[in-house]
Amino acid sequence: MILDIYKDALEYSAKDWKTLVILGVICLFTLLLLPAFLITGYNYRVINTAVHGVINGRDPLPDFEDLISMFVDGVKVVIVQILYLLLPIIIFFVFAVVAGQANGVAASAIMIIGCIITFVAFVVAELMIQMGICHMAYNDGAFSKAFAISEIKEVIDEIGWFECIATLLGLIIITLVIFSVVSIIIGIIFTVFGVSTAVLGINPSAIFILGGIINSLITMFLVGPYLSIFNSRSIGLLYTMQI
């Protein structure tokens, strides 16, 4: 099941390179904050398409239309993420305060226990975030459905907690591997090119700087958008794996 989801999402994300470039251009302005909500809103549309589709279906990539609606969806998703992450953050700070009032071994033990509990809470919160967003999309964007805890837990129970966590872990690994492979390939190309130009008496520093710039551009304009769609599609398809 998990491998089928990954296969579908990898192929789906490469359906339209123009879409990746558009997302890449929007990424250039994410420091202005507002465009970041558009990217989040577009990923929500990818999830929405997935939760109403099937694995290996012929779903098209969402269009860039009704930007106001896309922006609103992005804001809703960010709010969902923030509210769910409040719990592990609060847990961490509570343990940090308690540890700060203790001494020596007791303080260390409290912080270790606090970090473990915070990590578990974070994993659960992240899973609730992803399934909550999917549940919201499946229910026609009803914001309250993102916090329908009992319904979301039932969805996770039907899919399987292990399958859900394994899928999320796999997405993290695949994302890191793709980023690393692209960076390494570009690095090798420009390292060889830099050494070659050095033999000709040309300063290789400029070549290495150029390689870094090109690596950043490729990551921003193609790899980053591709992986954001890949992750969104995978999460949406995972939601459809209910019994």
Foldseek 3Di string as FASTA:
>chain_A
DLVLLLVQLLVQLPPDLVVLQVQLVLLVCCVVVQSQLLLQLQLLVLLLQQLPDARPDDGHRDDPPPSVNSSVLSVLLVVLLVVLLVVLVVLLVVLQVVLVVDDDPVSVVSNVVSVVVSVVSVLVSVLLSLLLSSQCSVVVNPSVSSVPVVVSVLLCVQLDVVVSSVSVVVLVVVLVVVLVVLLVVLQVVLVVVLVVVVVVVDHSVVSNVVSVVVSVSCCSRHSVSSSSSSVSSSSSNSSNSGD
